[in-house]
Structures are given as structure tokens and as C-alpha cells.
Amino acid sequence: MAANSYSTLSEQRLLTEHELAHVLSRSLGSIRRDRLFLRGVPFVRIGSSVRYHPKAVQQFIANLPTFGNGTGDKVPKGGAQ
């Protein structure tokens, strides 16, 4: 394998479930539960190992719902009017 191919592969290193839990600030159990119910970040199996592609993680984060209007405005007591 050429040096250029290796550097390209190393930049695309797949994440372990432990690394994903750290990136998302979630417990390992919640990552495993999401995988069990086929929700959350798409994953690949390599033998018995589970891995996550960094681009899939980025896309998952980008597609999460956002809340609030992003301006820092507070909602009045009693709810929005």
C-alpha cells in the first residue's frame, strides 16, 4: 500500500463505541441501546466489532433537532404568546 493511501485511510479512521460515547457525551449503555433498537448513529460491523464512520457522526449531529430561536431570548413565564 502506498504512503498516500495509508495517510488517507488513517484520516478516515472509524470510531469505536467508546469514542462515540465520549464525542456525544453519552453513556456507553445509551449508545448500545440505540444500536439495539436501530436508532442513533449508523454503524458498521467488522467481525464482532462495531465501528462508526466520522462523517456519519457529523451528519447525525447536524440532523439533531434544535430548540429555541438561537437568539438567547427568554420565553415569558406562562409560555409563549
N, C-alpha and C. Protein backbone atom coordinates (compact mmCIF):
# COMPACT_ATOMS: atom_id res chain seq x y z
N MET A 1 0.85 -1.18 0.00
CA MET A 1 0.00 0.00 0.00
C MET A 1 0.89 1.24 0.00
N ALA A 2 0.61 2.20 -0.83
CA ALA A 2 1.41 3.40 -0.94
C ALA A 2 1.22 4.30 0.29
N ALA A 3 2.21 5.14 0.55
CA ALA A 3 2.15 6.03 1.72
C ALA A 3 0.95 6.96 1.64
N ASN A 4 0.64 7.46 0.45
CA ASN A 4 -0.50 8.36 0.30
C ASN A 4 -1.81 7.67 0.63
N SER A 5 -1.95 6.41 0.23
CA SER A 5 -3.16 5.66 0.53
C SER A 5 -3.31 5.46 2.02
N TYR A 6 -2.19 5.17 2.70
CA TYR A 6 -2.24 4.94 4.14
C TYR A 6 -2.65 6.20 4.87
N SER A 7 -2.11 7.35 4.50
CA SER A 7 -2.47 8.59 5.19
C SER A 7 -3.94 8.93 4.97
N THR A 8 -4.46 8.62 3.78
CA THR A 8 -5.88 8.85 3.52
C THR A 8 -6.73 7.95 4.41
N LEU A 9 -6.32 6.69 4.54
CA LEU A 9 -7.06 5.77 5.39
C LEU A 9 -7.00 6.19 6.85
N SER A 10 -5.85 6.63 7.33
CA SER A 10 -5.73 6.99 8.74
C SER A 10 -6.58 8.21 9.07
N GLU A 11 -6.77 9.10 8.10
CA GLU A 11 -7.63 10.27 8.33
C GLU A 11 -9.10 9.86 8.41
N GLN A 12 -9.44 8.71 7.87
CA GLN A 12 -10.82 8.24 7.85
C GLN A 12 -11.04 7.12 8.88
N ARG A 13 -10.23 7.10 9.93
CA ARG A 13 -10.31 6.04 10.93
C ARG A 13 -11.71 5.97 11.53
N LEU A 14 -12.24 4.78 11.66
CA LEU A 14 -13.55 4.57 12.23
C LEU A 14 -13.48 4.69 13.74
N LEU A 15 -14.57 5.15 14.35
CA LEU A 15 -14.63 5.34 15.80
C LEU A 15 -15.18 4.10 16.48
N THR A 16 -14.70 3.81 17.67
CA THR A 16 -15.25 2.73 18.48
C THR A 16 -16.49 3.26 19.21
N GLU A 17 -17.24 2.36 19.82
CA GLU A 17 -18.42 2.78 20.59
C GLU A 17 -18.01 3.63 21.79
N HIS A 18 -16.86 3.36 22.37
CA HIS A 18 -16.36 4.16 23.49
C HIS A 18 -16.04 5.58 23.04
N GLU A 19 -15.41 5.70 21.88
CA GLU A 19 -15.09 7.02 21.35
C GLU A 19 -16.36 7.78 20.99
N LEU A 20 -17.33 7.10 20.42
CA LEU A 20 -18.60 7.75 20.08
C LEU A 20 -19.30 8.26 21.34
N ALA A 21 -19.31 7.44 22.39
CA ALA A 21 -19.92 7.86 23.65
C ALA A 21 -19.25 9.13 24.17
N HIS A 22 -17.94 9.20 24.06
CA HIS A 22 -17.20 10.38 24.51
C HIS A 22 -17.56 11.60 23.64
N VAL A 23 -17.59 11.42 22.34
CA VAL A 23 -17.89 12.53 21.42
C VAL A 23 -19.28 13.09 21.68
N LEU A 24 -20.25 12.21 21.93
CA LEU A 24 -21.64 12.64 22.13
C LEU A 24 -21.97 12.93 23.59
N SER A 25 -21.01 12.74 24.48
CA SER A 25 -21.23 12.93 25.92
C SER A 25 -22.41 12.11 26.41
N ARG A 26 -22.42 10.85 26.01
CA ARG A 26 -23.48 9.92 26.41
C ARG A 26 -22.85 8.68 27.00
N SER A 27 -23.63 7.95 27.74
CA SER A 27 -23.11 6.72 28.34
C SER A 27 -22.95 5.64 27.27
N LEU A 28 -22.06 4.71 27.55
CA LEU A 28 -21.87 3.59 26.65
C LEU A 28 -23.15 2.78 26.54
N GLY A 29 -23.88 2.65 27.64
CA GLY A 29 -25.15 1.92 27.63
C GLY A 29 -26.17 2.54 26.69
N SER A 30 -26.23 3.87 26.66
CA SER A 30 -27.20 4.52 25.76
C SER A 30 -26.81 4.33 24.30
N ILE A 31 -25.51 4.33 24.03
CA ILE A 31 -25.04 4.08 22.65
C ILE A 31 -25.42 2.66 22.23
N ARG A 32 -25.22 1.70 23.14
CA ARG A 32 -25.56 0.31 22.83
C ARG A 32 -27.07 0.11 22.69
N ARG A 33 -27.84 0.79 23.51
CA ARG A 33 -29.30 0.68 23.43
C ARG A 33 -29.80 1.24 22.09
N ASP A 34 -29.27 2.38 21.70
CA ASP A 34 -29.63 2.95 20.39
C ASP A 34 -29.33 1.97 19.27
N ARG A 35 -28.17 1.33 19.35
CA ARG A 35 -27.78 0.37 18.31
C ARG A 35 -28.72 -0.83 18.31
N LEU A 36 -29.10 -1.30 19.49
CA LEU A 36 -30.00 -2.44 19.61
C LEU A 36 -31.34 -2.16 18.93
N PHE A 37 -31.85 -0.93 19.11
CA PHE A 37 -33.14 -0.57 18.54
C PHE A 37 -33.01 0.13 17.18
N LEU A 38 -31.81 0.03 16.59
CA LEU A 38 -31.53 0.58 15.25
C LEU A 38 -31.89 2.06 15.13
N ARG A 39 -31.49 2.82 16.13
CA ARG A 39 -31.64 4.27 16.05
C ARG A 39 -30.30 4.88 16.43
N GLY A 40 -30.17 6.15 16.27
CA GLY A 40 -28.88 6.77 16.57
C GLY A 40 -27.98 6.78 15.35
N VAL A 41 -26.69 6.78 15.60
CA VAL A 41 -25.69 6.88 14.53
C VAL A 41 -25.59 5.56 13.77
N PRO A 42 -25.64 5.59 12.44
CA PRO A 42 -25.44 4.36 11.66
C PRO A 42 -24.07 3.75 11.98
N PHE A 43 -24.00 2.43 11.96
CA PHE A 43 -22.76 1.75 12.33
C PHE A 43 -22.45 0.64 11.34
N VAL A 44 -21.23 0.16 11.40
CA VAL A 44 -20.82 -0.99 10.61
C VAL A 44 -20.23 -2.03 11.55
N ARG A 45 -20.38 -3.27 11.17
CA ARG A 45 -19.76 -4.36 11.93
C ARG A 45 -18.57 -4.87 11.12
N ILE A 46 -17.47 -5.06 11.82
CA ILE A 46 -16.29 -5.67 11.24
C ILE A 46 -16.00 -6.87 12.12
N GLY A 47 -16.46 -8.01 11.67
CA GLY A 47 -16.43 -9.19 12.53
C GLY A 47 -17.40 -8.96 13.68
N SER A 48 -16.92 -9.06 14.90
CA SER A 48 -17.78 -8.81 16.06
C SER A 48 -17.65 -7.37 16.55
N SER A 49 -16.76 -6.59 15.94
CA SER A 49 -16.54 -5.20 16.35
C SER A 49 -17.56 -4.28 15.71
N VAL A 50 -17.92 -3.23 16.42
CA VAL A 50 -18.83 -2.21 15.91
C VAL A 50 -18.03 -0.92 15.74
N ARG A 51 -18.19 -0.28 14.60
CA ARG A 51 -17.47 0.97 14.34
C ARG A 51 -18.42 2.00 13.73
N TYR A 52 -18.03 3.27 13.89
CA TYR A 52 -18.83 4.40 13.40
C TYR A 52 -17.94 5.27 12.52
N HIS A 53 -18.46 5.63 11.36
CA HIS A 53 -17.72 6.49 10.44
C HIS A 53 -17.85 7.93 10.91
N PRO A 54 -16.75 8.68 11.00
CA PRO A 54 -16.81 10.06 11.48
C PRO A 54 -17.80 10.94 10.71
N LYS A 55 -17.91 10.74 9.41
CA LYS A 55 -18.87 11.55 8.63
C LYS A 55 -20.31 11.22 9.01
N ALA A 56 -20.59 9.97 9.35
CA ALA A 56 -21.94 9.60 9.81
C ALA A 56 -22.24 10.24 11.15
N VAL A 57 -21.23 10.35 12.00
CA VAL A 57 -21.40 11.00 13.31
C VAL A 57 -21.70 12.48 13.10
N GLN A 58 -20.93 13.13 12.23
CA GLN A 58 -21.15 14.55 11.93
C GLN A 58 -22.56 14.78 11.37
N GLN A 59 -22.98 13.92 10.47
CA GLN A 59 -24.31 14.07 9.87
C GLN A 59 -25.40 13.84 10.92
N PHE A 60 -25.21 12.86 11.79
CA PHE A 60 -26.16 12.60 12.86
C PHE A 60 -26.32 13.84 13.74
N ILE A 61 -25.20 14.45 14.12
CA ILE A 61 -25.24 15.64 14.97
C ILE A 61 -25.93 16.79 14.24
N ALA A 62 -25.61 16.96 12.96
CA ALA A 62 -26.20 18.05 12.17
C ALA A 62 -27.71 17.90 12.03
N ASN A 63 -28.20 16.66 12.05
CA ASN A 63 -29.63 16.40 11.86
C ASN A 63 -30.42 16.37 13.17
N LEU A 64 -29.75 16.56 14.30
CA LEU A 64 -30.48 16.59 15.56
C LEU A 64 -31.38 17.82 15.60
N PRO A 65 -32.56 17.69 16.21
CA PRO A 65 -33.43 18.85 16.31
C PRO A 65 -32.83 19.91 17.22
N THR A 66 -33.09 21.15 16.89
CA THR A 66 -32.62 22.25 17.73
C THR A 66 -33.83 22.88 18.40
N PHE A 67 -33.58 23.45 19.54
CA PHE A 67 -34.66 24.05 20.32
C PHE A 67 -34.31 25.50 20.61
N GLY A 68 -35.32 26.33 20.70
CA GLY A 68 -35.09 27.75 20.93
C GLY A 68 -34.87 28.47 19.61
N ASN A 69 -34.82 29.77 19.70
CA ASN A 69 -34.67 30.54 18.48
C ASN A 69 -33.23 30.96 18.24
N GLY A 70 -32.32 30.57 19.15
CA GLY A 70 -30.91 30.85 18.95
C GLY A 70 -30.51 32.27 19.27
N THR A 71 -31.45 33.11 19.71
CA THR A 71 -31.11 34.50 20.00
C THR A 71 -30.83 34.73 21.48
N GLY A 72 -31.13 33.76 22.30
CA GLY A 72 -30.93 33.93 23.73
C GLY A 72 -32.14 34.56 24.40
N ASP A 73 -33.19 34.87 23.60
CA ASP A 73 -34.41 35.44 24.18
C ASP A 73 -35.05 34.44 25.12
N LYS A 74 -35.53 34.92 26.23
CA LYS A 74 -36.21 34.05 27.17
C LYS A 74 -37.69 34.02 26.85
N VAL A 75 -38.28 32.86 27.07
CA VAL A 75 -39.72 32.71 26.89
C VAL A 75 -40.39 33.27 28.15
N PRO A 76 -41.41 34.15 28.02
CA PRO A 76 -42.05 34.72 29.20
C PRO A 76 -42.69 33.61 30.06
N LYS A 77 -42.76 33.88 31.36
CA LYS A 77 -43.43 32.93 32.25
C LYS A 77 -44.84 32.73 31.77
N GLY A 78 -45.28 31.49 31.86
CA GLY A 78 -46.62 31.18 31.37
C GLY A 78 -46.61 30.70 29.93
N GLY A 79 -45.42 30.66 29.30
CA GLY A 79 -45.31 30.15 27.94
C GLY A 79 -45.26 31.24 26.91
N ALA A 80 -45.08 30.84 25.67
CA ALA A 80 -45.01 31.79 24.55
C ALA A 80 -46.38 32.36 24.26
N GLN A 81 -46.39 33.58 23.79
CA GLN A 81 -47.67 34.23 23.49
C GLN A 81 -47.75 34.59 22.03
